[in-house]
């Protein structure tokens, strides 16, 4: 009985990290760099199990590596701006709650920090790694709903994105 309980506790503790290992082995679809004038803000890459982008509801991971310091408030405000531009606030009554969730989950980031969002089995999960050389990602908060996940990834992947060239690069279409 004690051995079973210990095994169950161990599995519960390593389960989030095992899931991280799964998506880290997915294949790269594409990558893109966001610049602001002469400054690089971040680099990003999209991964899927087969290396192809088949639409917003497939399993996928977007990994962003920041190249400068950005506060949590700036990250949340940038998300709000993108959702506003895509009309998410008008179409999704729960979107203001999503913004509050992001405010509670996200850390400040600095050069080298990685944030990932992984959509797996129709639910999304944020992951954090302080720097690329660090071996493991740490989950941030609970898994998110399919509606949130599709809207969040849509900032980069929806045809209505404010960054169509980045979208094309991420989904494997070049520029």
N, C-alpha and C. Protein backbone atom coordinates (compact mmCIF):
# COMPACT_ATOMS: atom_id res chain seq x y z
N UNK A 1 0.83 -1.19 0.00
CA UNK A 1 0.00 0.00 0.00
C UNK A 1 0.88 1.25 0.00
N UNK A 2 1.90 1.29 0.87
CA UNK A 2 2.78 2.46 0.92
C UNK A 2 3.52 2.65 -0.39
N UNK A 3 3.98 1.55 -0.98
CA UNK A 3 4.69 1.64 -2.25
C UNK A 3 3.77 2.19 -3.35
N UNK A 4 2.52 1.76 -3.38
CA UNK A 4 1.56 2.26 -4.37
C UNK A 4 1.32 3.76 -4.17
N UNK A 5 1.18 4.18 -2.93
CA UNK A 5 0.97 5.59 -2.64
C UNK A 5 2.19 6.41 -3.05
N UNK A 6 3.39 5.94 -2.75
CA UNK A 6 4.60 6.64 -3.14
C UNK A 6 4.72 6.74 -4.66
N UNK A 7 4.40 5.66 -5.35
CA UNK A 7 4.46 5.67 -6.81
C UNK A 7 3.45 6.67 -7.38
N UNK A 8 2.24 6.70 -6.83
CA UNK A 8 1.22 7.63 -7.28
C UNK A 8 1.67 9.08 -7.05
N UNK A 9 2.23 9.37 -5.89
CA UNK A 9 2.73 10.71 -5.60
C UNK A 9 3.86 11.09 -6.54
N UNK A 10 4.76 10.17 -6.81
CA UNK A 10 5.87 10.44 -7.73
C UNK A 10 5.35 10.75 -9.13
N UNK A 11 4.38 9.95 -9.60
CA UNK A 11 3.81 10.18 -10.93
C UNK A 11 3.11 11.53 -11.00
N UNK A 12 2.42 11.91 -9.95
CA UNK A 12 1.75 13.21 -9.94
C UNK A 12 2.77 14.35 -9.98
N UNK A 13 3.89 14.17 -9.32
CA UNK A 13 4.91 15.21 -9.29
C UNK A 13 5.64 15.36 -10.61
N UNK A 14 5.92 14.27 -11.29
CA UNK A 14 6.69 14.36 -12.54
C UNK A 14 5.81 14.48 -13.78
N UNK A 15 4.52 14.28 -13.64
CA UNK A 15 3.63 14.30 -14.80
C UNK A 15 3.74 15.58 -15.63
N UNK A 16 3.71 16.80 -15.03
CA UNK A 16 3.82 17.99 -15.87
C UNK A 16 5.13 18.02 -16.65
N UNK A 17 6.21 17.55 -16.05
CA UNK A 17 7.49 17.58 -16.73
C UNK A 17 7.57 16.52 -17.82
N UNK A 18 6.88 15.42 -17.63
CA UNK A 18 6.83 14.40 -18.67
C UNK A 18 6.10 14.94 -19.89
N UNK A 19 5.00 15.69 -19.65
CA UNK A 19 4.29 16.29 -20.77
C UNK A 19 5.17 17.30 -21.49
N UNK A 20 6.00 18.03 -20.75
CA UNK A 20 6.90 18.99 -21.38
C UNK A 20 7.88 18.25 -22.28
N UNK A 21 8.38 17.13 -21.82
CA UNK A 21 9.32 16.37 -22.64
C UNK A 21 8.67 15.92 -23.94
N UNK A 22 7.39 15.56 -23.89
CA UNK A 22 6.68 15.13 -25.10
C UNK A 22 6.68 16.23 -26.16
N UNK A 23 6.21 17.40 -25.82
CA UNK A 23 6.09 18.46 -26.83
C UNK A 23 7.45 19.02 -27.24
N UNK A 24 8.43 18.92 -26.40
CA UNK A 24 9.77 19.38 -26.79
C UNK A 24 10.37 18.50 -27.88
N UNK A 25 9.82 17.31 -28.05
CA UNK A 25 10.28 16.41 -29.13
C UNK A 25 9.47 16.55 -30.41
N UNK A 26 8.48 17.43 -30.42
CA UNK A 26 7.72 17.66 -31.64
C UNK A 26 8.62 18.33 -32.67
N UNK A 27 8.18 18.33 -33.91
CA UNK A 27 8.99 18.86 -35.02
C UNK A 27 8.65 20.32 -35.30
N UNK A 28 9.66 21.07 -35.69
CA UNK A 28 9.48 22.49 -35.97
C UNK A 28 8.73 22.67 -37.29
N UNK A 29 7.69 23.52 -37.25
CA UNK A 29 6.95 23.90 -38.44
C UNK A 29 7.62 25.11 -39.06
N UNK A 30 7.91 26.12 -38.22
CA UNK A 30 8.53 27.34 -38.70
C UNK A 30 8.99 28.20 -37.55
N UNK A 31 9.71 29.27 -37.87
CA UNK A 31 10.14 30.21 -36.84
C UNK A 31 10.06 31.62 -37.39
N UNK A 32 10.03 32.59 -36.47
CA UNK A 32 9.88 33.99 -36.86
C UNK A 32 10.51 34.87 -35.78
N UNK A 33 10.85 36.09 -36.18
CA UNK A 33 11.44 37.07 -35.27
C UNK A 33 10.61 38.34 -35.31
N UNK A 34 10.23 38.85 -34.14
CA UNK A 34 9.52 40.12 -34.05
C UNK A 34 10.53 41.21 -33.73
N UNK A 35 10.58 42.23 -34.58
CA UNK A 35 11.45 43.37 -34.34
C UNK A 35 10.60 44.63 -34.15
N UNK A 36 11.17 45.57 -33.46
CA UNK A 36 10.56 46.88 -33.26
C UNK A 36 11.63 47.88 -33.63
N UNK A 37 11.56 48.42 -34.83
CA UNK A 37 12.65 49.27 -35.33
C UNK A 37 13.90 48.41 -35.43
N UNK A 38 15.00 48.89 -34.86
CA UNK A 38 16.25 48.12 -34.95
C UNK A 38 16.37 47.05 -33.86
N UNK A 39 15.39 46.93 -32.99
CA UNK A 39 15.48 46.04 -31.84
C UNK A 39 14.72 44.74 -32.06
N UNK A 40 15.33 43.62 -31.68
CA UNK A 40 14.64 42.34 -31.68
C UNK A 40 13.91 42.20 -30.36
N UNK A 41 12.61 41.97 -30.44
CA UNK A 41 11.79 41.79 -29.23
C UNK A 41 11.81 40.33 -28.80
N UNK A 42 11.57 39.43 -29.76
CA UNK A 42 11.61 37.99 -29.45
C UNK A 42 11.79 37.20 -30.73
N UNK A 43 12.22 35.96 -30.54
CA UNK A 43 12.19 34.96 -31.60
C UNK A 43 11.13 33.94 -31.19
N UNK A 44 10.53 33.29 -32.17
CA UNK A 44 9.48 32.33 -31.86
C UNK A 44 9.58 31.15 -32.80
N UNK A 45 9.06 30.04 -32.33
CA UNK A 45 8.97 28.85 -33.19
C UNK A 45 7.70 28.09 -32.87
N UNK A 46 7.16 27.47 -33.91
CA UNK A 46 5.96 26.67 -33.78
C UNK A 46 6.34 25.21 -34.00
N UNK A 47 5.91 24.34 -33.08
CA UNK A 47 6.15 22.91 -33.17
C UNK A 47 4.81 22.18 -33.25
N UNK A 48 4.79 21.08 -33.99
CA UNK A 48 3.64 20.18 -33.99
C UNK A 48 4.19 18.75 -33.98
N UNK A 49 3.35 17.77 -33.65
CA UNK A 49 3.86 16.40 -33.63
C UNK A 49 4.45 15.95 -34.97
N UNK A 50 3.88 16.42 -36.10
CA UNK A 50 4.37 15.96 -37.40
C UNK A 50 5.13 17.03 -38.18
N UNK A 51 5.30 18.22 -37.60
CA UNK A 51 6.04 19.28 -38.29
C UNK A 51 5.23 20.03 -39.33
N UNK A 52 3.92 19.82 -39.36
CA UNK A 52 3.04 20.51 -40.30
C UNK A 52 1.97 21.27 -39.53
N UNK A 53 1.57 22.42 -40.05
CA UNK A 53 0.48 23.19 -39.44
C UNK A 53 -0.81 22.86 -40.16
N UNK A 54 -1.78 22.29 -39.41
CA UNK A 54 -3.05 21.87 -39.98
C UNK A 54 -4.24 22.65 -39.43
N UNK A 55 -4.00 23.73 -38.71
CA UNK A 55 -5.10 24.55 -38.21
C UNK A 55 -5.04 24.78 -36.72
N UNK A 56 -5.95 25.63 -36.23
CA UNK A 56 -5.86 26.11 -34.86
C UNK A 56 -6.17 25.09 -33.76
N UNK A 57 -6.79 23.98 -34.10
CA UNK A 57 -7.18 23.04 -33.04
C UNK A 57 -6.28 21.82 -32.94
N UNK A 58 -5.23 21.75 -33.78
CA UNK A 58 -4.32 20.61 -33.69
C UNK A 58 -3.35 20.80 -32.52
N UNK A 59 -2.73 19.74 -32.07
CA UNK A 59 -1.70 19.84 -31.04
C UNK A 59 -0.55 20.68 -31.59
N UNK A 60 -0.12 21.66 -30.79
CA UNK A 60 0.95 22.56 -31.22
C UNK A 60 1.57 23.26 -30.03
N UNK A 61 2.79 23.70 -30.21
CA UNK A 61 3.50 24.44 -29.17
C UNK A 61 4.14 25.67 -29.81
N UNK A 62 3.87 26.82 -29.22
CA UNK A 62 4.50 28.06 -29.64
C UNK A 62 5.49 28.43 -28.54
N UNK A 63 6.76 28.53 -28.90
CA UNK A 63 7.81 28.87 -27.94
C UNK A 63 8.36 30.24 -28.31
N UNK A 64 8.33 31.16 -27.34
CA UNK A 64 8.84 32.51 -27.55
C UNK A 64 10.06 32.70 -26.67
N UNK A 65 11.15 33.13 -27.28
CA UNK A 65 12.38 33.44 -26.56
C UNK A 65 12.57 34.96 -26.60
N UNK A 66 12.46 35.58 -25.45
CA UNK A 66 12.53 37.04 -25.38
C UNK A 66 13.97 37.51 -25.49
N UNK A 67 14.15 38.64 -26.15
CA UNK A 67 15.48 39.22 -26.35
C UNK A 67 15.67 40.51 -25.58
N UNK A 68 14.67 40.89 -24.79
CA UNK A 68 14.76 42.10 -23.98
C UNK A 68 13.88 41.95 -22.75
N UNK A 69 14.06 42.83 -21.79
CA UNK A 69 13.25 42.81 -20.58
C UNK A 69 11.87 43.38 -20.89
N UNK A 70 10.84 42.64 -20.46
CA UNK A 70 9.46 43.08 -20.64
C UNK A 70 8.71 42.72 -19.36
N UNK A 71 7.99 43.69 -18.81
CA UNK A 71 7.24 43.43 -17.58
C UNK A 71 5.99 42.61 -17.88
N UNK A 72 5.50 41.96 -16.86
CA UNK A 72 4.25 41.21 -16.96
C UNK A 72 3.13 42.12 -17.47
N UNK A 73 3.07 43.33 -16.93
CA UNK A 73 2.01 44.26 -17.34
C UNK A 73 2.11 44.60 -18.83
N UNK A 74 3.32 44.75 -19.34
CA UNK A 74 3.49 45.02 -20.78
C UNK A 74 3.07 43.82 -21.62
N UNK A 75 3.39 42.61 -21.16
CA UNK A 75 2.98 41.41 -21.89
C UNK A 75 1.46 41.28 -21.94
N UNK A 76 0.81 41.54 -20.79
CA UNK A 76 -0.64 41.44 -20.73
C UNK A 76 -1.27 42.53 -21.60
N UNK A 77 -0.73 43.73 -21.54
CA UNK A 77 -1.27 44.82 -22.35
C UNK A 77 -1.12 44.53 -23.85
N UNK A 78 0.00 43.95 -24.24
CA UNK A 78 0.20 43.58 -25.65
C UNK A 78 -0.82 42.53 -26.07
N UNK A 79 -1.13 41.59 -25.20
CA UNK A 79 -2.15 40.58 -25.49
C UNK A 79 -3.51 41.24 -25.63
N UNK A 80 -3.82 42.15 -24.71
CA UNK A 80 -5.09 42.87 -24.76
C UNK A 80 -5.20 43.62 -26.11
N UNK A 81 -4.13 44.30 -26.51
CA UNK A 81 -4.14 45.05 -27.77
C UNK A 81 -4.40 44.14 -28.96
N UNK A 82 -3.76 42.96 -28.98
CA UNK A 82 -3.93 42.03 -30.10
C UNK A 82 -5.35 41.48 -30.13
N UNK A 83 -5.89 41.13 -28.97
CA UNK A 83 -7.26 40.62 -28.92
C UNK A 83 -8.26 41.71 -29.32
N UNK A 84 -7.97 42.93 -28.91
CA UNK A 84 -8.83 44.06 -29.29
C UNK A 84 -8.83 44.20 -30.81
N UNK A 85 -7.67 44.15 -31.42
CA UNK A 85 -7.55 44.30 -32.88
C UNK A 85 -8.26 43.16 -33.62
N UNK A 86 -8.32 41.97 -33.02
CA UNK A 86 -8.97 40.82 -33.66
C UNK A 86 -10.45 40.70 -33.30
N UNK A 87 -10.95 41.62 -32.48
CA UNK A 87 -12.37 41.59 -32.11
C UNK A 87 -12.74 40.53 -31.09
N UNK A 88 -11.76 40.03 -30.37
CA UNK A 88 -12.03 38.96 -29.39
C UNK A 88 -12.93 39.44 -28.26
N UNK A 89 -12.74 40.67 -27.79
CA UNK A 89 -13.53 41.16 -26.66
C UNK A 89 -15.01 41.26 -27.01
N UNK A 90 -15.32 41.54 -28.26
CA UNK A 90 -16.72 41.62 -28.68
C UNK A 90 -17.33 40.23 -28.83
N UNK A 91 -16.53 39.24 -29.23
CA UNK A 91 -17.05 37.90 -29.52
C UNK A 91 -16.99 36.95 -28.33
N UNK A 92 -16.12 37.22 -27.38
CA UNK A 92 -15.90 36.28 -26.27
C UNK A 92 -16.18 36.98 -24.93
N UNK A 93 -17.35 36.73 -24.32
CA UNK A 93 -17.69 37.42 -23.07
C UNK A 93 -16.69 37.14 -21.94
N UNK A 94 -16.03 35.99 -21.98
CA UNK A 94 -15.10 35.63 -20.90
C UNK A 94 -13.70 36.22 -21.10
N UNK A 95 -13.47 36.98 -22.16
CA UNK A 95 -12.12 37.44 -22.48
C UNK A 95 -11.52 38.36 -21.43
N UNK A 96 -12.32 39.16 -20.75
CA UNK A 96 -11.76 39.99 -19.67
C UNK A 96 -11.24 39.12 -18.53
N UNK A 97 -11.91 38.02 -18.26
CA UNK A 97 -11.42 37.06 -17.26
C UNK A 97 -10.11 36.42 -17.71
N UNK A 98 -9.98 36.19 -19.01
CA UNK A 98 -8.72 35.64 -19.54
C UNK A 98 -7.57 36.60 -19.29
N UNK A 99 -7.82 37.88 -19.46
CA UNK A 99 -6.77 38.88 -19.21
C UNK A 99 -6.36 38.84 -17.73
N UNK A 100 -7.32 38.73 -16.83
CA UNK A 100 -6.98 38.62 -15.39
C UNK A 100 -6.17 37.36 -15.12
N UNK A 101 -6.51 36.26 -15.80
CA UNK A 101 -5.74 35.02 -15.64
C UNK A 101 -4.29 35.23 -16.06
N UNK A 102 -4.08 35.87 -17.20
CA UNK A 102 -2.71 36.13 -17.67
C UNK A 102 -1.95 36.99 -16.68
N UNK A 103 -2.61 37.98 -16.13
CA UNK A 103 -1.97 38.87 -15.15
C UNK A 103 -1.51 38.07 -13.93
N UNK A 104 -2.26 37.05 -13.56
CA UNK A 104 -1.89 36.25 -12.39
C UNK A 104 -0.84 35.19 -12.70
N UNK A 105 -0.73 34.77 -13.98
CA UNK A 105 0.17 33.67 -14.34
C UNK A 105 1.56 34.12 -14.76
N UNK A 106 1.63 35.14 -15.58
CA UNK A 106 2.89 35.47 -16.24
C UNK A 106 3.88 36.17 -15.35
N UNK A 107 5.15 35.86 -15.52
CA UNK A 107 6.21 36.58 -14.81
C UNK A 107 6.70 37.74 -15.69
N UNK A 108 7.54 38.59 -15.12
CA UNK A 108 8.32 39.51 -15.94
C UNK A 108 9.31 38.65 -16.71
N UNK A 109 9.69 39.08 -17.91
CA UNK A 109 10.67 38.32 -18.68
C UNK A 109 11.90 39.17 -18.94
N UNK A 110 13.01 38.50 -19.18
CA UNK A 110 14.26 39.18 -19.50
C UNK A 110 14.89 38.47 -20.69
N UNK A 111 15.96 39.03 -21.21
CA UNK A 111 16.63 38.44 -22.37
C UNK A 111 16.97 36.97 -22.07
N UNK A 112 16.53 36.09 -22.93
CA UNK A 112 16.79 34.65 -22.76
C UNK A 112 15.63 33.88 -22.15
N UNK A 113 14.69 34.57 -21.50
CA UNK A 113 13.53 33.90 -20.93
C UNK A 113 12.67 33.31 -22.03
N UNK A 114 12.15 32.11 -21.79
CA UNK A 114 11.26 31.47 -22.75
C UNK A 114 9.89 31.23 -22.11
N UNK A 115 8.86 31.62 -22.83
CA UNK A 115 7.50 31.27 -22.49
C UNK A 115 6.97 30.42 -23.63
N UNK A 116 6.32 29.34 -23.28
CA UNK A 116 5.74 28.46 -24.29
C UNK A 116 4.26 28.30 -23.98
N UNK A 117 3.49 28.12 -25.03
CA UNK A 117 2.08 27.77 -24.87
C UNK A 117 1.85 26.51 -25.70
N UNK A 118 1.38 25.48 -25.03
CA UNK A 118 1.23 24.17 -25.66
C UNK A 118 -0.25 23.80 -25.68
N UNK A 119 -0.77 23.57 -26.87
CA UNK A 119 -2.12 23.08 -27.04
C UNK A 119 -2.03 21.58 -27.30
N UNK A 120 -2.61 20.80 -26.39
CA UNK A 120 -2.53 19.34 -26.47
C UNK A 120 -3.88 18.79 -26.03
N UNK A 121 -4.51 18.01 -26.88
CA UNK A 121 -5.83 17.45 -26.58
C UNK A 121 -6.85 18.54 -26.26
N UNK A 122 -6.82 19.63 -27.04
CA UNK A 122 -7.79 20.73 -26.98
C UNK A 122 -7.70 21.60 -25.74
N UNK A 123 -6.65 21.45 -24.94
CA UNK A 123 -6.43 22.33 -23.80
C UNK A 123 -5.02 22.87 -23.88
N UNK A 124 -4.85 24.11 -23.46
CA UNK A 124 -3.54 24.74 -23.51
C UNK A 124 -2.90 24.84 -22.15
N UNK A 125 -1.59 24.97 -22.15
CA UNK A 125 -0.81 25.09 -20.92
C UNK A 125 0.35 26.03 -21.18
N UNK A 126 0.55 26.99 -20.27
CA UNK A 126 1.73 27.85 -20.34
C UNK A 126 2.90 27.15 -19.65
N UNK A 127 4.09 27.36 -20.20
CA UNK A 127 5.33 26.82 -19.64
C UNK A 127 6.37 27.92 -19.61
N UNK A 128 7.27 27.85 -18.64
CA UNK A 128 8.28 28.89 -18.43
C UNK A 128 9.66 28.26 -18.28
N UNK A 129 10.64 28.91 -18.89
CA UNK A 129 12.04 28.51 -18.69
C UNK A 129 12.82 29.81 -18.58
N UNK A 130 13.58 29.96 -17.50
CA UNK A 130 14.30 31.21 -17.24
C UNK A 130 15.30 31.54 -18.34
N UNK A 131 15.91 30.53 -18.94
CA UNK A 131 16.83 30.76 -20.06
C UNK A 131 16.93 29.48 -20.89
N UNK A 132 17.26 29.64 -22.16
CA UNK A 132 17.31 28.49 -23.07
C UNK A 132 18.24 27.37 -22.60
N UNK A 133 19.42 27.68 -22.01
CA UNK A 133 20.28 26.58 -21.57
C UNK A 133 19.71 25.75 -20.41
N UNK A 134 18.74 26.32 -19.66
CA UNK A 134 18.10 25.55 -18.58
C UNK A 134 17.42 24.35 -19.21
N UNK A 135 17.50 23.20 -18.59
CA UNK A 135 17.04 21.96 -19.22
C UNK A 135 15.51 21.80 -19.25
N UNK A 136 14.82 22.24 -18.23
CA UNK A 136 13.39 21.95 -18.16
C UNK A 136 12.54 23.22 -18.14
N UNK A 137 11.35 23.08 -18.66
CA UNK A 137 10.31 24.10 -18.55
C UNK A 137 9.48 23.79 -17.30
N UNK A 138 8.93 24.83 -16.70
CA UNK A 138 8.06 24.70 -15.54
C UNK A 138 6.66 25.12 -15.95
N UNK A 139 5.62 24.34 -15.61
CA UNK A 139 4.26 24.76 -15.97
C UNK A 139 3.85 26.00 -15.19
N UNK A 140 3.08 26.87 -15.85
CA UNK A 140 2.52 28.07 -15.21
C UNK A 140 1.01 27.91 -15.15
N UNK A 141 0.48 27.73 -13.96
CA UNK A 141 -0.96 27.67 -13.77
C UNK A 141 -1.59 26.42 -14.34
N UNK A 142 -2.93 26.39 -14.30
CA UNK A 142 -3.67 25.22 -14.78
C UNK A 142 -3.78 25.21 -16.30
N UNK A 143 -4.25 24.07 -16.82
CA UNK A 143 -4.53 23.98 -18.25
C UNK A 143 -5.69 24.93 -18.57
N UNK A 144 -5.66 25.47 -19.78
CA UNK A 144 -6.65 26.46 -20.21
C UNK A 144 -7.64 25.82 -21.18
N UNK A 145 -8.81 26.41 -21.28
CA UNK A 145 -9.87 25.90 -22.14
C UNK A 145 -9.48 25.97 -23.62
N UNK A 146 -10.19 25.21 -24.42
CA UNK A 146 -9.97 25.24 -25.87
C UNK A 146 -10.23 26.63 -26.43
N UNK A 147 -11.30 27.30 -25.97
CA UNK A 147 -11.62 28.64 -26.47
C UNK A 147 -10.47 29.61 -26.19
N UNK A 148 -9.99 29.62 -24.96
CA UNK A 148 -8.85 30.49 -24.61
C UNK A 148 -7.65 30.13 -25.48
N UNK A 149 -7.35 28.85 -25.57
CA UNK A 149 -6.15 28.39 -26.25
C UNK A 149 -6.13 28.81 -27.72
N UNK A 150 -7.25 28.62 -28.41
CA UNK A 150 -7.32 28.99 -29.82
C UNK A 150 -7.18 30.51 -29.97
N UNK A 151 -7.81 31.28 -29.09
CA UNK A 151 -7.72 32.75 -29.16
C UNK A 151 -6.31 33.23 -28.83
N UNK A 152 -5.68 32.59 -27.86
CA UNK A 152 -4.32 33.02 -27.52
C UNK A 152 -3.36 32.74 -28.67
N UNK A 153 -3.37 31.52 -29.18
CA UNK A 153 -2.49 31.20 -30.31
C UNK A 153 -2.84 32.00 -31.55
N UNK A 154 -4.10 32.42 -31.65
CA UNK A 154 -4.54 33.23 -32.77
C UNK A 154 -3.84 34.57 -32.88
N UNK A 155 -3.26 35.05 -31.78
CA UNK A 155 -2.48 36.29 -31.85
C UNK A 155 -1.42 36.16 -32.93
N UNK A 156 -0.84 34.99 -33.06
CA UNK A 156 0.20 34.73 -34.05
C UNK A 156 -0.31 33.97 -35.27
N UNK A 157 -1.31 33.09 -35.07
CA UNK A 157 -1.65 32.12 -36.10
C UNK A 157 -2.97 32.37 -36.82
N UNK A 158 -3.83 33.20 -36.28
CA UNK A 158 -5.11 33.49 -36.93
C UNK A 158 -4.86 34.36 -38.17
N UNK A 159 -5.62 34.14 -39.24
CA UNK A 159 -5.45 34.98 -40.43
C UNK A 159 -5.65 36.48 -40.14
N UNK A 160 -6.35 36.83 -39.05
CA UNK A 160 -6.56 38.24 -38.69
C UNK A 160 -5.42 38.83 -37.86
N UNK A 161 -4.33 38.09 -37.68
CA UNK A 161 -3.21 38.56 -36.87
C UNK A 161 -2.71 39.92 -37.37
N UNK A 162 -2.16 40.69 -36.47
CA UNK A 162 -1.53 41.96 -36.82
C UNK A 162 -0.14 41.75 -37.40
N UNK A 163 0.33 40.49 -37.40
CA UNK A 163 1.67 40.15 -37.89
C UNK A 163 1.59 39.07 -38.96
N UNK A 164 1.02 39.37 -40.14
CA UNK A 164 0.84 38.32 -41.15
C UNK A 164 2.15 37.70 -41.64
N UNK A 165 3.23 38.48 -41.72
CA UNK A 165 4.50 37.89 -42.17
C UNK A 165 5.02 36.88 -41.14
N UNK A 166 4.89 37.20 -39.85
CA UNK A 166 5.30 36.25 -38.81
C UNK A 166 4.45 34.99 -38.89
N UNK A 167 3.14 35.16 -39.10
CA UNK A 167 2.26 34.01 -39.21
C UNK A 167 2.75 33.08 -40.33
N UNK A 168 3.03 33.66 -41.49
CA UNK A 168 3.47 32.85 -42.63
C UNK A 168 4.75 32.09 -42.30
N UNK A 169 5.68 32.75 -41.63
CA UNK A 169 6.93 32.09 -41.26
C UNK A 169 6.70 30.98 -40.25
N UNK A 170 5.81 31.22 -39.26
CA UNK A 170 5.54 30.21 -38.24
C UNK A 170 4.84 28.99 -38.80
N UNK A 171 3.90 29.19 -39.71
CA UNK A 171 3.15 28.04 -40.23
C UNK A 171 3.85 27.37 -41.40
N UNK A 172 5.08 27.80 -41.66
CA UNK A 172 5.90 27.12 -42.67
C UNK A 172 5.75 27.65 -44.07
N UNK A 173 5.18 28.85 -44.21
CA UNK A 173 4.95 29.38 -45.54
C UNK A 173 5.98 30.40 -46.00
N UNK A 174 7.04 30.60 -45.24
CA UNK A 174 8.04 31.61 -45.62
C UNK A 174 7.45 33.00 -45.49
N UNK A 175 7.95 33.95 -46.25
CA UNK A 175 7.44 35.32 -46.16
C UNK A 175 6.41 35.60 -47.19
